[in-house]
């Protein structure tokens, strides 16, 4: 081909391209619609899938997208598009469909297995950031039902229960729980009170079951409550631990229990009425484990308000 013919051919191609560009600008919507309809045909989709799965196409695509000019252009356009509401909405829908699809689930599972450490680190950092805290808080407020289902699913498994129990028994877990309870005491108290008001039957059932399983402990608690009512000005206003009473020690002192236990009373060797139950020290003396013994109902009624050891009781 001569120089002049070559020049004419180039001019012809350039003119053809210019005309095609003008035609495309004028009929852009029609062309896009035709392309969209054509690309949705099953035979076209099948051919495209085969073409894109070929090694040749993958190599060409990789080479094309790794070119500096293409990379820079994709990043620039991506930054602009990411801020467009329409693009954001369509991306969310597409990502949601992908996550719910079988292929998407497999891809996500595989990625999580390969990047478990990175994933944990990222989630921890994000959840502790200001933005993360706001997002999580908002999601929890808008999705209480989903939150409950999600919590039940991840925290009611045997592994999760065992892990929590192990943490609670550890030194670190005990320290964290103790600190949290001290800081949130009023909140816990209100929540407990509200729950008890809403579940009176459960409370009755729990108390009944506890009395059946701990008859001796129940007797001691009942006796303490009655004693504080009779011999103190305030009545029982604290737990036995806060009064300094060693309940397990008392039970140990009373072991072994009589066989016909219903015919016996728990007796205080030095009578409780001899002590000032407004004085914390005297309460501890009165309820010392060594001050307890078993007496039959008849023996206890005869002893009354006296200081008599069981060995000093007159023979029947």
C-alpha atoms as a PDB file:
ATOM      1  CA  UNK A   1       0.000   0.000   0.000  1.00  0.00           C
ATOM      2  CA  UNK A   2       1.349   3.398  -1.042  1.00  0.00           C
ATOM      3  CA  UNK A   3       1.823   6.248   1.384  1.00  0.00           C
ATOM      4  CA  UNK A   4      -1.163   8.172  -0.047  1.00  0.00           C
ATOM      5  CA  UNK A   5      -3.478   5.152   0.123  1.00  0.00           C
ATOM      6  CA  UNK A   6      -2.386   4.485   3.720  1.00  0.00           C
ATOM      7  CA  UNK A   7      -3.101   8.102   4.667  1.00  0.00           C
ATOM      8  CA  UNK A   8      -6.562   7.907   3.034  1.00  0.00           C
ATOM      9  CA  UNK A   9      -7.320   4.641   4.901  1.00  0.00           C
ATOM     10  CA  UNK A  10      -6.390   6.249   8.239  1.00  0.00           C
ATOM     11  CA  UNK A  11      -8.575   9.274   7.459  1.00  0.00           C
ATOM     12  CA  UNK A  12     -11.459   6.969   6.530  1.00  0.00           C
ATOM     13  CA  UNK A  13     -11.131   4.999   9.814  1.00  0.00           C
ATOM     14  CA  UNK A  14     -10.883   8.210  11.877  1.00  0.00           C
ATOM     15  CA  UNK A  15     -13.977   9.625  10.133  1.00  0.00           C
ATOM     16  CA  UNK A  16     -15.841   6.344  10.700  1.00  0.00           C
ATOM     17  CA  UNK A  17     -14.959   6.440  14.429  1.00  0.00           C
ATOM     18  CA  UNK A  18     -16.038  10.064  14.709  1.00  0.00           C
ATOM     19  CA  UNK A  19     -19.373   9.291  13.019  1.00  0.00           C
ATOM     20  CA  UNK A  20     -19.870   6.269  15.313  1.00  0.00           C
ATOM     21  CA  UNK A  21     -19.159   8.457  18.362  1.00  0.00           C
ATOM     22  CA  UNK A  22     -21.664  11.092  17.200  1.00  0.00           C
ATOM     23  CA  UNK A  23     -24.282   8.404  16.476  1.00  0.00           C
ATOM     24  CA  UNK A  24     -23.677   6.865  19.961  1.00  0.00           C
ATOM     25  CA  UNK A  25     -24.094  10.236  21.695  1.00  0.00           C
ATOM     26  CA  UNK A  26     -27.368  10.867  19.850  1.00  0.00           C
ATOM     27  CA  UNK A  27     -28.797   7.367  20.404  1.00  0.00           C
ATOM     28  CA  UNK A  28     -27.141   6.448  23.704  1.00  0.00           C
ATOM     29  CA  UNK A  29     -30.352   5.380  25.502  1.00  0.00           C
ATOM     30  CA  UNK A  30     -31.604   3.209  22.622  1.00  0.00           C
ATOM     31  CA  UNK A  31     -28.210   1.487  22.222  1.00  0.00           C
ATOM     32  CA  UNK A  32     -27.921   0.809  25.987  1.00  0.00           C
ATOM     33  CA  UNK A  33     -31.435  -0.659  26.038  1.00  0.00           C
ATOM     34  CA  UNK A  34     -30.677  -2.935  23.027  1.00  0.00           C
ATOM     35  CA  UNK A  35     -27.404  -4.071  24.630  1.00  0.00           C
ATOM     36  CA  UNK A  36     -29.167  -4.758  27.934  1.00  0.00           C
ATOM     37  CA  UNK A  37     -31.888  -6.871  26.250  1.00  0.00           C
ATOM     38  CA  UNK A  38     -29.292  -8.750  24.169  1.00  0.00           C
ATOM     39  CA  UNK A  39     -26.978  -9.414  27.140  1.00  0.00           C
ATOM     40  CA  UNK A  40     -29.849 -10.952  29.160  1.00  0.00           C
ATOM     41  CA  UNK A  41     -30.507 -13.706  26.599  1.00  0.00           C
ATOM     42  CA  UNK A  42     -29.659 -17.172  28.057  1.00  0.00           C
ATOM     43  CA  UNK A  43     -27.470 -18.199  25.094  1.00  0.00           C
ATOM     44  CA  UNK A  44     -25.490 -14.925  25.334  1.00  0.00           C
ATOM     45  CA  UNK A  45     -25.020 -15.343  29.109  1.00  0.00           C
ATOM     46  CA  UNK A  46     -23.801 -18.946  28.610  1.00  0.00           C
ATOM     47  CA  UNK A  47     -21.312 -17.877  25.895  1.00  0.00           C
ATOM     48  CA  UNK A  48     -20.057 -14.970  28.017  1.00  0.00           C
ATOM     49  CA  UNK A  49     -19.573 -17.275  31.002  1.00  0.00           C
ATOM     50  CA  UNK A  50     -17.520 -19.720  28.917  1.00  0.00           C
ATOM     51  CA  UNK A  51     -15.464 -16.870  27.436  1.00  0.00           C
ATOM     52  CA  UNK A  52     -14.700 -15.313  30.811  1.00  0.00           C
ATOM     53  CA  UNK A  53     -13.743 -18.645  32.397  1.00  0.00           C
ATOM     54  CA  UNK A  54     -11.092 -19.346  29.755  1.00  0.00           C
ATOM     55  CA  UNK A  55      -7.403 -18.968  30.837  1.00  0.00           C
ATOM     56  CA  UNK A  56      -6.704 -16.715  27.865  1.00  0.00           C
ATOM     57  CA  UNK A  57      -9.413 -14.202  28.897  1.00  0.00           C
ATOM     58  CA  UNK A  58      -8.267 -14.245  32.549  1.00  0.00           C
ATOM     59  CA  UNK A  59      -4.650 -13.575  31.549  1.00  0.00           C
ATOM     60  CA  UNK A  60      -5.699 -10.705  29.246  1.00  0.00           C
ATOM     61  CA  UNK A  61      -7.973  -9.194  31.902  1.00  0.00           C
ATOM     62  CA  UNK A  62      -5.243  -9.402  34.548  1.00  0.00           C
ATOM     63  CA  UNK A  63      -2.727  -7.755  32.224  1.00  0.00           C
ATOM     64  CA  UNK A  64      -5.236  -5.047  31.258  1.00  0.00           C
ATOM     65  CA  UNK A  65      -6.275  -4.180  34.827  1.00  0.00           C
ATOM     66  CA  UNK A  66      -2.666  -4.105  36.063  1.00  0.00           C
ATOM     67  CA  UNK A  67      -1.693  -1.378  33.616  1.00  0.00           C
ATOM     68  CA  UNK A  68      -0.889   1.847  35.581  1.00  0.00           C
ATOM     69  CA  UNK A  69      -3.250   4.034  33.491  1.00  0.00           C
ATOM     70  CA  UNK A  70      -6.187   1.637  33.943  1.00  0.00           C
ATOM     71  CA  UNK A  71      -5.465   1.211  37.662  1.00  0.00           C
ATOM     72  CA  UNK A  72      -5.343   4.966  38.233  1.00  0.00           C
ATOM     73  CA  UNK A  73      -8.555   5.510  36.239  1.00  0.00           C
ATOM     74  CA  UNK A  74     -10.433   2.739  38.065  1.00  0.00           C
ATOM     75  CA  UNK A  75      -9.408   4.140  41.461  1.00  0.00           C
ATOM     76  CA  UNK A  76     -10.404   7.671  40.465  1.00  0.00           C
ATOM     77  CA  UNK A  77     -13.799   6.635  39.078  1.00  0.00           C
ATOM     78  CA  UNK A  78     -14.356   4.314  42.038  1.00  0.00           C
ATOM     79  CA  UNK A  79     -13.808   7.151  44.524  1.00  0.00           C
ATOM     80  CA  UNK A  80     -16.323   9.341  42.678  1.00  0.00           C
ATOM     81  CA  UNK A  81     -18.910   6.574  42.287  1.00  0.00           C
ATOM     82  CA  UNK A  82     -18.677   5.404  45.890  1.00  0.00           C
ATOM     83  CA  UNK A  83     -20.112   8.743  47.011  1.00  0.00           C
ATOM     84  CA  UNK A  84     -23.147   8.616  44.692  1.00  0.00           C
ATOM     85  CA  UNK A  85     -26.368   7.592  46.528  1.00  0.00           C
ATOM     86  CA  UNK A  86     -27.580   5.505  43.587  1.00  0.00           C
ATOM     87  CA  UNK A  87     -24.290   3.563  43.416  1.00  0.00           C
ATOM     88  CA  UNK A  88     -24.270   3.085  47.217  1.00  0.00           C
ATOM     89  CA  UNK A  89     -27.828   1.692  47.176  1.00  0.00           C
ATOM     90  CA  UNK A  90     -27.179  -0.669  44.241  1.00  0.00           C
ATOM     91  CA  UNK A  91     -23.891  -1.842  45.810  1.00  0.00           C
ATOM     92  CA  UNK A  92     -25.658  -2.659  49.086  1.00  0.00           C
ATOM     93  CA  UNK A  93     -28.321  -4.688  47.245  1.00  0.00           C
ATOM     94  CA  UNK A  94     -25.705  -6.505  45.169  1.00  0.00           C
ATOM     95  CA  UNK A  95     -23.559  -7.282  48.224  1.00  0.00           C
ATOM     96  CA  UNK A  96     -26.587  -8.514  50.170  1.00  0.00           C
ATOM     97  CA  UNK A  97     -27.602 -10.848  47.328  1.00  0.00           C
ATOM     98  CA  UNK A  98     -24.032 -12.124  47.097  1.00  0.00           C
ATOM     99  CA  UNK A  99     -23.794 -12.795  50.870  1.00  0.00           C
ATOM    100  CA  UNK A 100     -27.087 -14.712  50.787  1.00  0.00           C
ATOM    101  CA  UNK A 101     -26.184 -16.776  47.717  1.00  0.00           C
ATOM    102  CA  UNK A 102     -24.637 -20.246  48.044  1.00  0.00           C
ATOM    103  CA  UNK A 103     -21.450 -19.175  46.250  1.00  0.00           C
ATOM    104  CA  UNK A 104     -21.194 -16.026  48.420  1.00  0.00           C
ATOM    105  CA  UNK A 105     -21.512 -18.013  51.644  1.00  0.00           C
ATOM    106  CA  UNK A 106     -18.759 -20.404  50.509  1.00  0.00           C
ATOM    107  CA  UNK A 107     -16.457 -17.503  49.559  1.00  0.00           C
ATOM    108  CA  UNK A 108     -17.057 -15.690  52.885  1.00  0.00           C
ATOM    109  CA  UNK A 109     -16.527 -18.889  54.905  1.00  0.00           C
ATOM    110  CA  UNK A 110     -13.270 -19.634  53.069  1.00  0.00           C
ATOM    111  CA  UNK A 111     -12.042 -16.049  53.536  1.00  0.00           C
ATOM    112  CA  UNK A 112     -12.873 -16.099  57.271  1.00  0.00           C
ATOM    113  CA  UNK A 113     -10.953 -19.362  57.721  1.00  0.00           C
ATOM    114  CA  UNK A 114      -7.883 -17.929  55.970  1.00  0.00           C
ATOM    115  CA  UNK A 115      -8.077 -14.531  57.731  1.00  0.00           C
ATOM    116  CA  UNK A 116      -9.448 -15.409  61.187  1.00  0.00           C
ATOM    117  CA  UNK A 117      -6.749 -13.474  63.120  1.00  0.00           C
ATOM    118  CA  UNK A 118      -7.040 -10.374  60.933  1.00  0.00           C
ATOM    119  CA  UNK A 119     -10.851 -10.540  61.123  1.00  0.00           C
ATOM    120  CA  UNK A 120     -10.846 -10.724  64.942  1.00  0.00           C
ATOM    121  CA  UNK A 121      -8.384  -7.832  65.194  1.00  0.00           C
ATOM    122  CA  UNK A 122     -10.357  -5.667  62.750  1.00  0.00           C
ATOM    123  CA  UNK A 123     -13.701  -6.365  64.459  1.00  0.00           C
ATOM    124  CA  UNK A 124     -12.239  -5.538  67.874  1.00  0.00           C
ATOM    125  CA  UNK A 125     -10.709  -2.253  66.626  1.00  0.00           C
ATOM    126  CA  UNK A 126     -13.909  -1.258  64.810  1.00  0.00           C
ATOM    127  CA  UNK A 127     -16.210  -2.073  67.752  1.00  0.00           C
ATOM    128  CA  UNK A 128     -14.027   0.069  70.057  1.00  0.00           C
ATOM    129  CA  UNK A 129     -13.908   3.052  67.677  1.00  0.00           C
ATOM    130  CA  UNK A 130     -16.404   5.936  68.004  1.00  0.00           C
ATOM    131  CA  UNK A 131     -17.973   5.222  64.620  1.00  0.00           C
ATOM    132  CA  UNK A 132     -18.259   1.512  65.400  1.00  0.00           C
ATOM    133  CA  UNK A 133     -19.915   2.171  68.770  1.00  0.00           C
ATOM    134  CA  UNK A 134     -22.484   4.487  67.155  1.00  0.00           C
ATOM    135  CA  UNK A 135     -23.265   2.004  64.358  1.00  0.00           C
ATOM    136  CA  UNK A 136     -23.618  -0.921  66.792  1.00  0.00           C
ATOM    137  CA  UNK A 137     -25.812   1.101  69.173  1.00  0.00           C
ATOM    138  CA  UNK A 138     -28.092   2.249  66.331  1.00  0.00           C
ATOM    139  CA  UNK A 139     -28.366  -1.302  64.948  1.00  0.00           C
ATOM    140  CA  UNK A 140     -29.270  -2.709  68.374  1.00  0.00           C
ATOM    141  CA  UNK A 141     -32.009  -0.085  68.828  1.00  0.00           C
ATOM    142  CA  UNK A 142     -33.491  -0.799  65.371  1.00  0.00           C
ATOM    143  CA  UNK A 143     -33.197  -4.612  65.515  1.00  0.00           C
ATOM    144  CA  UNK A 144     -34.102  -5.906  69.025  1.00  0.00           C
ATOM    145  CA  UNK A 145     -35.605  -9.146  67.683  1.00  0.00           C
ATOM    146  CA  UNK A 146     -32.626  -9.889  65.413  1.00  0.00           C
ATOM    147  CA  UNK A 147     -30.289  -9.100  68.305  1.00  0.00           C
ATOM    148  CA  UNK A 148     -32.043 -11.628  70.557  1.00  0.00           C
ATOM    149  CA  UNK A 149     -31.997 -14.352  67.867  1.00  0.00           C
ATOM    150  CA  UNK A 150     -28.354 -13.599  67.075  1.00  0.00           C
ATOM    151  CA  UNK A 151     -27.392 -13.672  70.788  1.00  0.00           C
ATOM    152  CA  UNK A 152     -29.254 -16.935  71.393  1.00  0.00           C
ATOM    153  CA  UNK A 153     -27.665 -18.527  68.334  1.00  0.00           C
ATOM    154  CA  UNK A 154     -24.096 -17.638  69.308  1.00  0.00           C
ATOM    155  CA  UNK A 155     -24.327 -17.785  73.126  1.00  0.00           C
ATOM    156  CA  UNK A 156     -26.595 -20.737  73.893  1.00  0.00           C
ATOM    157  CA  UNK A 157     -24.363 -23.399  72.370  1.00  0.00           C
ATOM    158  CA  UNK A 158     -22.605 -25.889  74.667  1.00  0.00           C
ATOM    159  CA  UNK A 159     -19.189 -24.472  73.701  1.00  0.00           C
ATOM    160  CA  UNK A 160     -20.232 -20.863  74.486  1.00  0.00           C
ATOM    161  CA  UNK A 161     -21.747 -21.833  77.865  1.00  0.00           C
ATOM    162  CA  UNK A 162     -18.620 -23.832  78.802  1.00  0.00           C
ATOM    163  CA  UNK A 163     -16.368 -20.949  77.717  1.00  0.00           C
ATOM    164  CA  UNK A 164     -18.330 -18.398  79.812  1.00  0.00           C
ATOM    165  CA  UNK A 165     -18.257 -20.676  82.851  1.00  0.00           C
ATOM    166  CA  UNK A 166     -14.503 -21.177  82.477  1.00  0.00           C
ATOM    167  CA  UNK A 167     -13.999 -17.390  82.262  1.00  0.00           C
ATOM    168  CA  UNK A 168     -16.184 -16.779  85.352  1.00  0.00           C
ATOM    169  CA  UNK A 169     -14.097 -19.258  87.373  1.00  0.00           C
ATOM    170  CA  UNK A 170     -10.776 -17.701  86.295  1.00  0.00           C
ATOM    171  CA  UNK A 171      -9.049 -15.047  88.445  1.00  0.00           C
ATOM    172  CA  UNK A 172      -9.387 -12.417  85.714  1.00  0.00           C
ATOM    173  CA  UNK A 173     -13.107 -13.221  85.226  1.00  0.00           C
ATOM    174  CA  UNK A 174     -13.832 -13.014  88.961  1.00  0.00           C
ATOM    175  CA  UNK A 175     -12.061  -9.635  89.218  1.00  0.00           C
ATOM    176  CA  UNK A 176     -13.920  -8.221  86.176  1.00  0.00           C
ATOM    177  CA  UNK A 177     -17.330  -9.464  87.415  1.00  0.00           C
ATOM    178  CA  UNK A 178     -16.701  -8.121  90.941  1.00  0.00           C
ATOM    179  CA  UNK A 179     -15.705  -4.709  89.564  1.00  0.00           C
ATOM    180  CA  UNK A 180     -18.749  -4.608  87.259  1.00  0.00           C
ATOM    181  CA  UNK A 181     -21.142  -5.570  90.085  1.00  0.00           C
ATOM    182  CA  UNK A 182     -19.736  -2.798  92.343  1.00  0.00           C
ATOM    183  CA  UNK A 183     -20.028  -0.193  89.561  1.00  0.00           C
ATOM    184  CA  UNK A 184     -23.565  -1.270  88.556  1.00  0.00           C
ATOM    185  CA  UNK A 185     -25.008  -2.250  91.955  1.00  0.00           C
ATOM    186  CA  UNK A 186     -28.052   0.075  91.772  1.00  0.00           C
ATOM    187  CA  UNK A 187     -28.797  -0.966  88.203  1.00  0.00           C
ATOM    188  CA  UNK A 188     -28.642  -4.691  89.141  1.00  0.00           C
ATOM    189  CA  UNK A 189     -30.837  -4.105  92.198  1.00  0.00           C
ATOM    190  CA  UNK A 190     -33.543  -2.324  90.157  1.00  0.00           C
ATOM    191  CA  UNK A 191     -33.445  -4.971  87.426  1.00  0.00           C
ATOM    192  CA  UNK A 192     -33.720  -7.777  89.995  1.00  0.00           C
ATOM    193  CA  UNK A 193     -36.625  -6.065  91.761  1.00  0.00           C
ATOM    194  CA  UNK A 194     -38.453  -5.507  88.460  1.00  0.00           C
ATOM    195  CA  UNK A 195     -37.940  -9.154  87.455  1.00  0.00           C
ATOM    196  CA  UNK A 196     -39.198 -10.403  90.839  1.00  0.00           C
ATOM    197  CA  UNK A 197     -42.332  -8.229  90.536  1.00  0.00           C
ATOM    198  CA  UNK A 198     -43.028  -9.629  87.050  1.00  0.00           C
ATOM    199  CA  UNK A 199     -42.320 -13.263  87.997  1.00  0.00           C
ATOM    200  CA  UNK A 200     -43.854 -13.962  91.448  1.00  0.00           C
ATOM    201  CA  UNK A 201     -44.667 -17.598  90.602  1.00  0.00           C
ATOM    202  CA  UNK A 202     -41.093 -18.314  89.534  1.00  0.00           C
ATOM    203  CA  UNK A 203     -39.796 -16.753  92.765  1.00  0.00           C
ATOM    204  CA  UNK A 204     -42.144 -18.922  94.860  1.00  0.00           C
ATOM    205  CA  UNK A 205     -41.067 -22.033  92.960  1.00  0.00           C
ATOM    206  CA  UNK A 206     -37.387 -21.135  93.347  1.00  0.00           C
ATOM    207  CA  UNK A 207     -37.756 -20.547  97.115  1.00  0.00           C
ATOM    208  CA  UNK A 208     -39.696 -23.785  97.559  1.00  0.00           C
ATOM    209  CA  UNK A 209     -37.067 -25.774  95.678  1.00  0.00           C
ATOM    210  CA  UNK A 210     -34.256 -24.116  97.665  1.00  0.00           C
ATOM    211  CA  UNK A 211     -36.000 -24.934 100.994  1.00  0.00           C
ATOM    212  CA  UNK A 212     -36.372 -28.576  99.947  1.00  0.00           C
ATOM    213  CA  UNK A 213     -32.710 -28.845  98.917  1.00  0.00           C
ATOM    214  CA  UNK A 214     -31.327 -26.875 101.918  1.00  0.00           C
ATOM    215  CA  UNK A 215     -33.569 -27.647 104.937  1.00  0.00           C
ATOM    216  CA  UNK A 216     -30.900 -26.971 107.613  1.00  0.00           C
ATOM    217  CA  UNK A 217     -29.752 -23.740 105.978  1.00  0.00           C
ATOM    218  CA  UNK A 218     -33.389 -22.638 105.719  1.00  0.00           C
ATOM    219  CA  UNK A 219     -33.937 -23.330 109.437  1.00  0.00           C
ATOM    220  CA  UNK A 220     -30.878 -21.246 110.366  1.00  0.00           C
ATOM    221  CA  UNK A 221     -31.954 -18.335 108.125  1.00  0.00           C
ATOM    222  CA  UNK A 222     -35.511 -18.414 109.511  1.00  0.00           C
ATOM    223  CA  UNK A 223     -34.179 -18.482 113.090  1.00  0.00           C
ATOM    224  CA  UNK A 224     -31.858 -15.540 112.352  1.00  0.00           C
ATOM    225  CA  UNK A 225     -34.725 -13.509 110.890  1.00  0.00           C
ATOM    226  CA  UNK A 226     -36.946 -14.201 113.920  1.00  0.00           C
ATOM    227  CA  UNK A 227     -34.116 -13.456 116.385  1.00  0.00           C
ATOM    228  CA  UNK A 228     -33.287 -10.105 114.772  1.00  0.00           C
ATOM    229  CA  UNK A 229     -36.979  -9.214 114.873  1.00  0.00           C
ATOM    230  CA  UNK A 230     -37.220 -10.065 118.607  1.00  0.00           C
ATOM    231  CA  UNK A 231     -33.841  -8.929 119.965  1.00  0.00           C
ATOM    232  CA  UNK A 232     -32.762  -5.965 117.763  1.00  0.00           C
ATOM    233  CA  UNK A 233     -34.236  -2.528 117.185  1.00  0.00           C
ATOM    234  CA  UNK A 234     -33.810  -2.650 113.390  1.00  0.00           C
ATOM    235  CA  UNK A 235     -34.731  -6.229 112.538  1.00  0.00           C
ATOM    236  CA  UNK A 236     -32.792  -8.144 109.860  1.00  0.00           C
ATOM    237  CA  UNK A 237     -31.509  -5.539 107.407  1.00  0.00           C
ATOM    238  CA  UNK A 238     -28.430  -7.352 106.044  1.00  0.00           C
ATOM    239  CA  UNK A 239     -27.429 -10.753 104.729  1.00  0.00           C
ATOM    240  CA  UNK A 240     -25.936 -13.315 107.132  1.00  0.00           C
ATOM    241  CA  UNK A 241     -22.485 -12.784 105.513  1.00  0.00           C
ATOM    242  CA  UNK A 242     -22.550  -9.074 106.302  1.00  0.00           C
ATOM    243  CA  UNK A 243     -23.447  -9.835 109.925  1.00  0.00           C
ATOM    244  CA  UNK A 244     -20.344 -12.050 109.993  1.00  0.00           C
ATOM    245  CA  UNK A 245     -22.297 -15.298 110.495  1.00  0.00           C
ATOM    246  CA  UNK A 246     -20.611 -18.447 109.173  1.00  0.00           C
ATOM    247  CA  UNK A 247     -23.570 -20.561 107.905  1.00  0.00           C
ATOM    248  CA  UNK A 248     -21.394 -23.372 106.417  1.00  0.00           C
ATOM    249  CA  UNK A 249     -19.490 -23.499 109.737  1.00  0.00           C
ATOM    250  CA  UNK A 250     -22.749 -23.890 111.690  1.00  0.00           C
ATOM    251  CA  UNK A 251     -23.904 -26.711 109.375  1.00  0.00           C
ATOM    252  CA  UNK A 252     -20.523 -28.433 109.844  1.00  0.00           C
ATOM    253  CA  UNK A 253     -20.895 -28.089 113.644  1.00  0.00           C
ATOM    254  CA  UNK A 254     -24.361 -29.691 113.478  1.00  0.00           C
ATOM    255  CA  UNK A 255     -23.125 -32.634 111.374  1.00  0.00           C
ATOM    256  CA  UNK A 256     -24.089 -35.493 111.582  1.00  0.00           C
ATOM    257  CA  UNK A 257     -27.811 -34.682 111.482  1.00  0.00           C
ATOM    258  CA  UNK A 258     -30.320 -36.714 113.522  1.00  0.00           C
ATOM    259  CA  UNK A 259     -32.249 -39.388 111.573  1.00  0.00           C
ATOM    260  CA  UNK A 260     -35.670 -38.158 112.758  1.00  0.00           C
ATOM    261  CA  UNK A 261     -34.671 -34.539 112.198  1.00  0.00           C
ATOM    262  CA  UNK A 262     -38.281 -33.247 112.274  1.00  0.00           C
ATOM    263  CA  UNK A 263     -38.333 -34.033 116.031  1.00  0.00           C
ATOM    264  CA  UNK A 264     -35.254 -31.873 116.737  1.00  0.00           C
ATOM    265  CA  UNK A 265     -34.593 -28.149 117.189  1.00  0.00           C
ATOM    266  CA  UNK A 266     -31.385 -26.216 116.500  1.00  0.00           C
ATOM    267  CA  UNK A 267     -30.483 -24.916 119.962  1.00  0.00           C
ATOM    268  CA  UNK A 268     -28.091 -22.147 120.992  1.00  0.00           C
ATOM    269  CA  UNK A 269     -26.098 -23.324 124.034  1.00  0.00           C
ATOM    270  CA  UNK A 270     -25.844 -19.750 125.333  1.00  0.00           C
ATOM    271  CA  UNK A 271     -29.356 -18.424 124.635  1.00  0.00           C
ATOM    272  CA  UNK A 272     -29.750 -15.775 121.928  1.00  0.00           C
ATOM    273  CA  UNK A 273     -31.691 -13.527 124.329  1.00  0.00           C
ATOM    274  CA  UNK A 274     -28.512 -13.068 126.390  1.00  0.00           C
ATOM    275  CA  UNK A 275     -26.834 -11.146 123.550  1.00  0.00           C
ATOM    276  CA  UNK A 276     -27.293  -7.586 122.298  1.00  0.00           C
ATOM    277  CA  UNK A 277     -28.258  -8.034 118.626  1.00  0.00           C
ATOM    278  CA  UNK A 278     -27.653  -4.353 117.882  1.00  0.00           C
ATOM    279  CA  UNK A 279     -23.923  -4.957 118.459  1.00  0.00           C
ATOM    280  CA  UNK A 280     -22.170  -6.647 115.458  1.00  0.00           C
ATOM    281  CA  UNK A 281     -19.579  -8.348 117.691  1.00  0.00           C
ATOM    282  CA  UNK A 282     -22.224  -9.860 119.976  1.00  0.00           C
ATOM    283  CA  UNK A 283     -24.151 -11.119 116.929  1.00  0.00           C
ATOM    284  CA  UNK A 284     -21.011 -12.975 115.820  1.00  0.00           C
ATOM    285  CA  UNK A 285     -20.561 -14.454 119.343  1.00  0.00           C
ATOM    286  CA  UNK A 286     -24.205 -15.529 119.555  1.00  0.00           C
ATOM    287  CA  UNK A 287     -24.077 -17.188 116.125  1.00  0.00           C
ATOM    288  CA  UNK A 288     -20.617 -18.766 116.433  1.00  0.00           C
ATOM    289  CA  UNK A 289     -20.691 -22.393 115.171  1.00  0.00           C
ATOM    290  CA  UNK A 290     -19.577 -23.656 118.623  1.00  0.00           C
ATOM    291  CA  UNK A 291     -22.746 -22.188 120.160  1.00  0.00           C
ATOM    292  CA  UNK A 292     -25.028 -24.598 118.261  1.00  0.00           C
ATOM    293  CA  UNK A 293     -26.311 -28.061 119.137  1.00  0.00           C
ATOM    294  CA  UNK A 294     -29.224 -30.399 118.379  1.00  0.00           C
ATOM    295  CA  UNK A 295     -31.956 -30.790 121.027  1.00  0.00           C
ATOM    296  CA  UNK A 296     -35.214 -32.665 120.808  1.00  0.00           C
ATOM    297  CA  UNK A 297     -38.340 -30.510 120.898  1.00  0.00           C
ATOM    298  CA  UNK A 298     -39.083 -31.588 124.493  1.00  0.00           C
ATOM    299  CA  UNK A 299     -35.492 -30.927 125.671  1.00  0.00           C
ATOM    300  CA  UNK A 300     -35.456 -27.514 124.045  1.00  0.00           C
ATOM    301  CA  UNK A 301     -38.787 -26.526 125.620  1.00  0.00           C
ATOM    302  CA  UNK A 302     -37.508 -27.616 129.071  1.00  0.00           C
ATOM    303  CA  UNK A 303     -34.194 -25.780 128.640  1.00  0.00           C
ATOM    304  CA  UNK A 304     -35.910 -22.504 127.751  1.00  0.00           C
ATOM    305  CA  UNK A 305     -33.805 -19.403 128.389  1.00  0.00           C
ATOM    306  CA  UNK A 306     -31.030 -21.196 130.336  1.00  0.00           C
ATOM    307  CA  UNK A 307     -27.389 -22.003 129.666  1.00  0.00           C
ATOM    308  CA  UNK A 308     -27.325 -25.809 129.715  1.00  0.00           C
ATOM    309  CA  UNK A 309     -25.133 -28.155 127.654  1.00  0.00           C
ATOM    310  CA  UNK A 310     -26.757 -31.206 126.085  1.00  0.00           C
ATOM    311  CA  UNK A 311     -24.764 -33.506 128.416  1.00  0.00           C
ATOM    312  CA  UNK A 312     -26.185 -31.655 131.467  1.00  0.00           C
ATOM    313  CA  UNK A 313     -29.815 -32.294 130.475  1.00  0.00           C
ATOM    314  CA  UNK A 314     -31.623 -34.532 133.023  1.00  0.00           C
ATOM    315  CA  UNK A 315     -32.296 -38.108 131.878  1.00  0.00           C
ATOM    316  CA  UNK A 316     -35.854 -38.824 130.722  1.00  0.00           C
END
